[in-house]
Amino acid sequence: MVLADLKQKERARMIDFSEVNELVQRRLIHLGMKENAEICIKRKLPFGGPFMFETGGQSVGIRLQDAKKIRVEKL
């Protein structure tokens, strides 16, 4: 399952984000993202807009095409 498959307010555990662009990977790492981190979808904007999710007390926005490359495990 990928991050883009989750619905608003669903929780998941981030498994792998190695398929994402290297620049986005570095950004996520600098924001404290890591594998096995628990995340919660806060908002999904319509028409292929960005996602907003929370992890470790931080809210992060990410593009839909990047969300389709992040593997998660639903909790």
PDB file of N, CA and C in Angstrom:
ATOM      1  N   MET A   1       0.846  -1.164   0.000  1.00  0.00           N
ATOM      2  CA  MET A   1       0.000   0.000   0.000  1.00  0.00           C
ATOM      3  C   MET A   1       0.903   1.242   0.000  1.00  0.00           C
ATOM      4  N   VAL A   2       0.438   2.292  -0.646  1.00  0.00           N
ATOM      5  CA  VAL A   2       1.216   3.540  -0.693  1.00  0.00           C
ATOM      6  C   VAL A   2       0.470   4.638   0.053  1.00  0.00           C
ATOM      7  N   LEU A   3       1.180   5.696   0.382  1.00  0.00           N
ATOM      8  CA  LEU A   3       0.621   6.810   1.136  1.00  0.00           C
ATOM      9  C   LEU A   3      -0.604   7.405   0.451  1.00  0.00           C
ATOM     10  N   ALA A   4      -0.605   7.456  -0.861  1.00  0.00           N
ATOM     11  CA  ALA A   4      -1.721   8.041  -1.611  1.00  0.00           C
ATOM     12  C   ALA A   4      -3.018   7.237  -1.458  1.00  0.00           C
ATOM     13  N   ASP A   5      -2.935   5.977  -1.041  1.00  0.00           N
ATOM     14  CA  ASP A   5      -4.126   5.139  -0.877  1.00  0.00           C
ATOM     15  C   ASP A   5      -4.884   5.425   0.411  1.00  0.00           C
ATOM     16  N   LEU A   6      -4.237   6.063   1.365  1.00  0.00           N
ATOM     17  CA  LEU A   6      -4.879   6.315   2.653  1.00  0.00           C
ATOM     18  C   LEU A   6      -5.913   7.423   2.551  1.00  0.00           C
ATOM     19  N   LYS A   7      -6.909   7.342   3.412  1.00  0.00           N
ATOM     20  CA  LYS A   7      -7.946   8.362   3.488  1.00  0.00           C
ATOM     21  C   LYS A   7      -7.636   9.306   4.649  1.00  0.00           C
ATOM     22  N   GLN A   8      -8.324  10.426   4.667  1.00  0.00           N
ATOM     23  CA  GLN A   8      -8.121  11.410   5.718  1.00  0.00           C
ATOM     24  C   GLN A   8      -8.371  10.795   7.097  1.00  0.00           C
ATOM     25  N   LYS A   9      -7.526  11.115   8.051  1.00  0.00           N
ATOM     26  CA  LYS A   9      -7.561  10.661   9.446  1.00  0.00           C
ATOM     27  C   LYS A   9      -7.148   9.208   9.641  1.00  0.00           C
ATOM     28  N   GLU A  10      -6.684   8.522   8.591  1.00  0.00           N
ATOM     29  CA  GLU A  10      -6.183   7.157   8.751  1.00  0.00           C
ATOM     30  C   GLU A  10      -4.734   7.206   9.233  1.00  0.00           C
ATOM     31  N   ARG A  11      -4.363   6.194   9.983  1.00  0.00           N
ATOM     32  CA  ARG A  11      -3.008   6.097  10.527  1.00  0.00           C
ATOM     33  C   ARG A  11      -2.274   4.954   9.830  1.00  0.00           C
ATOM     34  N   ALA A  12      -0.961   5.129   9.711  1.00  0.00           N
ATOM     35  CA  ALA A  12      -0.148   4.100   9.057  1.00  0.00           C
ATOM     36  C   ALA A  12       1.280   4.194   9.579  1.00  0.00           C
ATOM     37  N   ARG A  13       2.072   3.200   9.229  1.00  0.00           N
ATOM     38  CA  ARG A  13       3.494   3.177   9.561  1.00  0.00           C
ATOM     39  C   ARG A  13       4.264   3.262   8.258  1.00  0.00           C
ATOM     40  N   MET A  14       5.194   4.198   8.189  1.00  0.00           N
ATOM     41  CA  MET A  14       5.995   4.385   6.985  1.00  0.00           C
ATOM     42  C   MET A  14       6.994   3.232   6.872  1.00  0.00           C
ATOM     43  N   ILE A  15       6.967   2.527   5.748  1.00  0.00           N
ATOM     44  CA  ILE A  15       7.838   1.374   5.549  1.00  0.00           C
ATOM     45  C   ILE A  15       9.062   1.738   4.725  1.00  0.00           C
ATOM     46  N   ASP A  16       8.839   2.430   3.597  1.00  0.00           N
ATOM     47  CA  ASP A  16       9.947   2.693   2.676  1.00  0.00           C
ATOM     48  C   ASP A  16       9.666   3.939   1.846  1.00  0.00           C
ATOM     49  N   PHE A  17      10.631   4.851   1.783  1.00  0.00           N
ATOM     50  CA  PHE A  17      10.491   5.998   0.894  1.00  0.00           C
ATOM     51  C   PHE A  17      11.715   6.158  -0.002  1.00  0.00           C
ATOM     52  N   SER A  18      12.358   5.039  -0.330  1.00  0.00           N
ATOM     53  CA  SER A  18      13.562   5.070  -1.164  1.00  0.00           C
ATOM     54  C   SER A  18      13.265   5.328  -2.642  1.00  0.00           C
ATOM     55  N   GLU A  19      12.004   5.150  -3.070  1.00  0.00           N
ATOM     56  CA  GLU A  19      11.637   5.378  -4.468  1.00  0.00           C
ATOM     57  C   GLU A  19      11.420   6.861  -4.785  1.00  0.00           C
ATOM     58  N   VAL A  20      11.316   7.675  -3.744  1.00  0.00           N
ATOM     59  CA  VAL A  20      11.069   9.109  -3.913  1.00  0.00           C
ATOM     60  C   VAL A  20      12.364   9.798  -4.363  1.00  0.00           C
ATOM     61  N   ASN A  21      12.211  10.892  -5.070  1.00  0.00           N
ATOM     62  CA  ASN A  21      13.337  11.712  -5.511  1.00  0.00           C
ATOM     63  C   ASN A  21      14.294  11.969  -4.341  1.00  0.00           C
ATOM     64  N   GLU A  22      15.589  11.964  -4.611  1.00  0.00           N
ATOM     65  CA  GLU A  22      16.602  12.123  -3.566  1.00  0.00           C
ATOM     66  C   GLU A  22      16.440  13.429  -2.792  1.00  0.00           C
ATOM     67  N   LEU A  23      16.061  14.494  -3.461  1.00  0.00           N
ATOM     68  CA  LEU A  23      15.866  15.783  -2.800  1.00  0.00           C
ATOM     69  C   LEU A  23      14.711  15.710  -1.793  1.00  0.00           C
ATOM     70  N   VAL A  24      13.641  15.043  -2.189  1.00  0.00           N
ATOM     71  CA  VAL A  24      12.490  14.874  -1.291  1.00  0.00           C
ATOM     72  C   VAL A  24      12.870  13.962  -0.125  1.00  0.00           C
ATOM     73  N   GLN A  25      13.659  12.926  -0.403  1.00  0.00           N
ATOM     74  CA  GLN A  25      14.126  12.031   0.675  1.00  0.00           C
ATOM     75  C   GLN A  25      14.895  12.821   1.723  1.00  0.00           C
ATOM     76  N   ARG A  26      15.816  13.655   1.267  1.00  0.00           N
ATOM     77  CA  ARG A  26      16.613  14.453   2.206  1.00  0.00           C
ATOM     78  C   ARG A  26      15.729  15.392   3.015  1.00  0.00           C
ATOM     79  N   ARG A  27      14.735  15.991   2.357  1.00  0.00           N
ATOM     80  CA  ARG A  27      13.825  16.888   3.059  1.00  0.00           C
ATOM     81  C   ARG A  27      13.071  16.141   4.145  1.00  0.00           C
ATOM     82  N   LEU A  28      12.571  14.961   3.815  1.00  0.00           N
ATOM     83  CA  LEU A  28      11.845  14.166   4.797  1.00  0.00           C
ATOM     84  C   LEU A  28      12.741  13.768   5.970  1.00  0.00           C
ATOM     85  N   ILE A  29      13.958  13.377   5.677  1.00  0.00           N
ATOM     86  CA  ILE A  29      14.902  12.987   6.731  1.00  0.00           C
ATOM     87  C   ILE A  29      15.221  14.171   7.632  1.00  0.00           C
ATOM     88  N   HIS A  30      15.437  15.351   7.036  1.00  0.00           N
ATOM     89  CA  HIS A  30      15.731  16.553   7.835  1.00  0.00           C
ATOM     90  C   HIS A  30      14.546  16.953   8.709  1.00  0.00           C
ATOM     91  N   LEU A  31      13.346  16.599   8.288  1.00  0.00           N
ATOM     92  CA  LEU A  31      12.156  16.886   9.090  1.00  0.00           C
ATOM     93  C   LEU A  31      11.903  15.811  10.151  1.00  0.00           C
ATOM     94  N   GLY A  32      12.777  14.822  10.211  1.00  0.00           N
ATOM     95  CA  GLY A  32      12.671  13.794  11.240  1.00  0.00           C
ATOM     96  C   GLY A  32      11.932  12.540  10.811  1.00  0.00           C
ATOM     97  N   MET A  33      11.651  12.384   9.519  1.00  0.00           N
ATOM     98  CA  MET A  33      10.979  11.184   9.043  1.00  0.00           C
ATOM     99  C   MET A  33      11.975  10.039   9.026  1.00  0.00           C
ATOM    100  N   LYS A  34      11.483   8.867   9.338  1.00  0.00           N
ATOM    101  CA  LYS A  34      12.312   7.669   9.263  1.00  0.00           C
ATOM    102  C   LYS A  34      11.408   6.479   9.029  1.00  0.00           C
ATOM    103  N   GLU A  35      12.001   5.389   8.624  1.00  0.00           N
ATOM    104  CA  GLU A  35      11.224   4.175   8.421  1.00  0.00           C
ATOM    105  C   GLU A  35      10.658   3.721   9.755  1.00  0.00           C
ATOM    106  N   ASN A  36       9.475   3.136   9.717  1.00  0.00           N
ATOM    107  CA  ASN A  36       8.718   2.676  10.880  1.00  0.00           C
ATOM    108  C   ASN A  36       8.109   3.818  11.694  1.00  0.00           C
ATOM    109  N   ALA A  37       8.170   5.051  11.192  1.00  0.00           N
ATOM    110  CA  ALA A  37       7.530   6.173  11.876  1.00  0.00           C
ATOM    111  C   ALA A  37       6.025   6.090  11.658  1.00  0.00           C
ATOM    112  N   GLU A  38       5.262   6.417  12.689  1.00  0.00           N
ATOM    113  CA  GLU A  38       3.810   6.410  12.583  1.00  0.00           C
ATOM    114  C   GLU A  38       3.352   7.751  12.009  1.00  0.00           C
ATOM    115  N   ILE A  39       2.450   7.696  11.030  1.00  0.00           N
ATOM    116  CA  ILE A  39       1.944   8.915  10.415  1.00  0.00           C
ATOM    117  C   ILE A  39       0.419   8.913  10.418  1.00  0.00           C
ATOM    118  N   CYS A  40      -0.149  10.101  10.318  1.00  0.00           N
ATOM    119  CA  CYS A  40      -1.603  10.264  10.258  1.00  0.00           C
ATOM    120  C   CYS A  40      -1.915  11.265   9.154  1.00  0.00           C
ATOM    121  N   ILE A  41      -2.821  10.891   8.255  1.00  0.00           N
ATOM    122  CA  ILE A  41      -3.210  11.786   7.164  1.00  0.00           C
ATOM    123  C   ILE A  41      -4.109  12.871   7.742  1.00  0.00           C
ATOM    124  N   LYS A  42      -3.693  14.116   7.604  1.00  0.00           N
ATOM    125  CA  LYS A  42      -4.477  15.235   8.107  1.00  0.00           C
ATOM    126  C   LYS A  42      -5.410  15.797   7.046  1.00  0.00           C
ATOM    127  N   ARG A  43      -4.921  15.873   5.814  1.00  0.00           N
ATOM    128  CA  ARG A  43      -5.742  16.464   4.758  1.00  0.00           C
ATOM    129  C   ARG A  43      -5.284  15.982   3.394  1.00  0.00           C
ATOM    130  N   LYS A  44      -6.252  15.674   2.533  1.00  0.00           N
ATOM    131  CA  LYS A  44      -5.985  15.330   1.138  1.00  0.00           C
ATOM    132  C   LYS A  44      -6.734  16.340   0.294  1.00  0.00           C
ATOM    133  N   LEU A  45      -6.015  17.133  -0.455  1.00  0.00           N
ATOM    134  CA  LEU A  45      -6.668  18.131  -1.286  1.00  0.00           C
ATOM    135  C   LEU A  45      -7.184  17.489  -2.568  1.00  0.00           C
ATOM    136  N   PRO A  46      -8.301  17.972  -3.093  1.00  0.00           N
ATOM    137  CA  PRO A  46      -8.906  17.355  -4.280  1.00  0.00           C
ATOM    138  C   PRO A  46      -8.128  17.622  -5.559  1.00  0.00           C
ATOM    139  N   PHE A  47      -8.512  16.897  -6.612  1.00  0.00           N
ATOM    140  CA  PHE A  47      -7.964  17.069  -7.958  1.00  0.00           C
ATOM    141  C   PHE A  47      -6.454  16.853  -8.022  1.00  0.00           C
ATOM    142  N   GLY A  48      -5.957  15.874  -7.291  1.00  0.00           N
ATOM    143  CA  GLY A  48      -4.536  15.545  -7.349  1.00  0.00           C
ATOM    144  C   GLY A  48      -3.650  16.531  -6.610  1.00  0.00           C
ATOM    145  N   GLY A  49      -4.235  17.258  -5.671  1.00  0.00           N
ATOM    146  CA  GLY A  49      -3.474  18.228  -4.887  1.00  0.00           C
ATOM    147  C   GLY A  49      -2.593  17.548  -3.857  1.00  0.00           C
ATOM    148  N   PRO A  50      -1.863  18.344  -3.098  1.00  0.00           N
ATOM    149  CA  PRO A  50      -0.931  17.779  -2.122  1.00  0.00           C
ATOM    150  C   PRO A  50      -1.616  17.113  -0.932  1.00  0.00           C
ATOM    151  N   PHE A  51      -0.843  16.311  -0.223  1.00  0.00           N
ATOM    152  CA  PHE A  51      -1.265  15.633   0.990  1.00  0.00           C
ATOM    153  C   PHE A  51      -0.670  16.379   2.161  1.00  0.00           C
ATOM    154  N   MET A  52      -1.350  16.332   3.284  1.00  0.00           N
ATOM    155  CA  MET A  52      -0.788  16.877   4.511  1.00  0.00           C
ATOM    156  C   MET A  52      -0.863  15.762   5.541  1.00  0.00           C
ATOM    157  N   PHE A  53       0.276  15.390   6.097  1.00  0.00           N
ATOM    158  CA  PHE A  53       0.274  14.345   7.115  1.00  0.00           C
ATOM    159  C   PHE A  53       1.100  14.787   8.305  1.00  0.00           C
ATOM    160  N   GLU A  54       0.874  14.128   9.431  1.00  0.00           N
ATOM    161  CA  GLU A  54       1.558  14.480  10.668  1.00  0.00           C
ATOM    162  C   GLU A  54       2.354  13.289  11.167  1.00  0.00           C
ATOM    163  N   THR A  55       3.535  13.571  11.643  1.00  0.00           N
ATOM    164  CA  THR A  55       4.373  12.554  12.267  1.00  0.00           C
ATOM    165  C   THR A  55       5.302  13.234  13.254  1.00  0.00           C
ATOM    166  N   GLY A  56       5.440  12.654  14.414  1.00  0.00           N
ATOM    167  CA  GLY A  56       6.326  13.211  15.427  1.00  0.00           C
ATOM    168  C   GLY A  56       5.988  14.641  15.813  1.00  0.00           C
ATOM    169  N   GLY A  57       4.700  15.008  15.747  1.00  0.00           N
ATOM    170  CA  GLY A  57       4.287  16.356  16.109  1.00  0.00           C
ATOM    171  C   GLY A  57       4.466  17.398  15.024  1.00  0.00           C
ATOM    172  N   GLN A  58       4.938  16.990  13.851  1.00  0.00           N
ATOM    173  CA  GLN A  58       5.144  17.919  12.735  1.00  0.00           C
ATOM    174  C   GLN A  58       4.163  17.615  11.618  1.00  0.00           C
ATOM    175  N   SER A  59       3.660  18.677  10.996  1.00  0.00           N
ATOM    176  CA  SER A  59       2.813  18.519   9.815  1.00  0.00           C
ATOM    177  C   SER A  59       3.663  18.734   8.583  1.00  0.00           C
ATOM    178  N   VAL A  60       3.497  17.847   7.605  1.00  0.00           N
ATOM    179  CA  VAL A  60       4.308  17.887   6.384  1.00  0.00           C
ATOM    180  C   VAL A  60       3.379  17.818   5.180  1.00  0.00           C
ATOM    181  N   GLY A  61       3.647  18.645   4.184  1.00  0.00           N
ATOM    182  CA  GLY A  61       2.913  18.597   2.933  1.00  0.00           C
ATOM    183  C   GLY A  61       3.762  17.919   1.868  1.00  0.00           C
ATOM    184  N   ILE A  62       3.135  17.103   1.038  1.00  0.00           N
ATOM    185  CA  ILE A  62       3.876  16.369   0.009  1.00  0.00           C
ATOM    186  C   ILE A  62       3.020  16.252  -1.250  1.00  0.00           C
ATOM    187  N   ARG A  63       3.660  16.269  -2.397  1.00  0.00           N
ATOM    188  CA  ARG A  63       2.937  16.167  -3.672  1.00  0.00           C
ATOM    189  C   ARG A  63       2.360  14.763  -3.860  1.00  0.00           C
ATOM    190  N   LEU A  64       1.285  14.701  -4.648  1.00  0.00           N
ATOM    191  CA  LEU A  64       0.621  13.423  -4.907  1.00  0.00           C
ATOM    192  C   LEU A  64       1.566  12.428  -5.562  1.00  0.00           C
ATOM    193  N   GLN A  65       2.364  12.869  -6.549  1.00  0.00           N
ATOM    194  CA  GLN A  65       3.252  11.915  -7.226  1.00  0.00           C
ATOM    195  C   GLN A  65       4.310  11.351  -6.269  1.00  0.00           C
ATOM    196  N   ASP A  66       4.710  12.116  -5.258  1.00  0.00           N
ATOM    197  CA  ASP A  66       5.639  11.593  -4.253  1.00  0.00           C
ATOM    198  C   ASP A  66       4.912  10.663  -3.282  1.00  0.00           C
ATOM    199  N   ALA A  67       3.673  10.989  -2.943  1.00  0.00           N
ATOM    200  CA  ALA A  67       2.883  10.149  -2.027  1.00  0.00           C
ATOM    201  C   ALA A  67       2.623   8.772  -2.630  1.00  0.00           C
ATOM    202  N   LYS A  68       2.597   8.688  -3.953  1.00  0.00           N
ATOM    203  CA  LYS A  68       2.389   7.397  -4.615  1.00  0.00           C
ATOM    204  C   LYS A  68       3.625   6.511  -4.570  1.00  0.00           C
ATOM    205  N   LYS A  69       4.765   7.051  -4.148  1.00  0.00           N
ATOM    206  CA  LYS A  69       6.014   6.288  -4.098  1.00  0.00           C
ATOM    207  C   LYS A  69       6.417   5.900  -2.683  1.00  0.00           C
ATOM    208  N   ILE A  70       5.681   6.372  -1.687  1.00  0.00           N
ATOM    209  CA  ILE A  70       6.004   6.081  -0.280  1.00  0.00           C
ATOM    210  C   ILE A  70       5.164   4.897   0.168  1.00  0.00           C
ATOM    211  N   ARG A  71       5.833   3.808   0.528  1.00  0.00           N
ATOM    212  CA  ARG A  71       5.139   2.587   0.974  1.00  0.00           C
ATOM    213  C   ARG A  71       4.812   2.688   2.463  1.00  0.00           C
ATOM    214  N   VAL A  72       3.584   2.332   2.807  1.00  0.00           N
ATOM    215  CA  VAL A  72       3.138   2.377   4.197  1.00  0.00           C
ATOM    216  C   VAL A  72       2.396   1.098   4.546  1.00  0.00           C
ATOM    217  N   GLU A  73       2.227   0.885   5.832  1.00  0.00           N
ATOM    218  CA  GLU A  73       1.461  -0.247   6.350  1.00  0.00           C
ATOM    219  C   GLU A  73       0.365   0.335   7.232  1.00  0.00           C
ATOM    220  N   LYS A  74      -0.882   0.090   6.884  1.00  0.00           N
ATOM    221  CA  LYS A  74      -2.011   0.648   7.606  1.00  0.00           C
ATOM    222  C   LYS A  74      -2.084   0.071   9.012  1.00  0.00           C
ATOM    223  N   LEU A  75      -2.380   0.917  10.001  1.00  0.00           N
ATOM    224  CA  LEU A  75      -2.496   0.468  11.385  1.00  0.00           C
ATOM    225  C   LEU A  75      -3.948   0.218  11.754  1.00  0.00           C
TER     226      LEU A  75
END
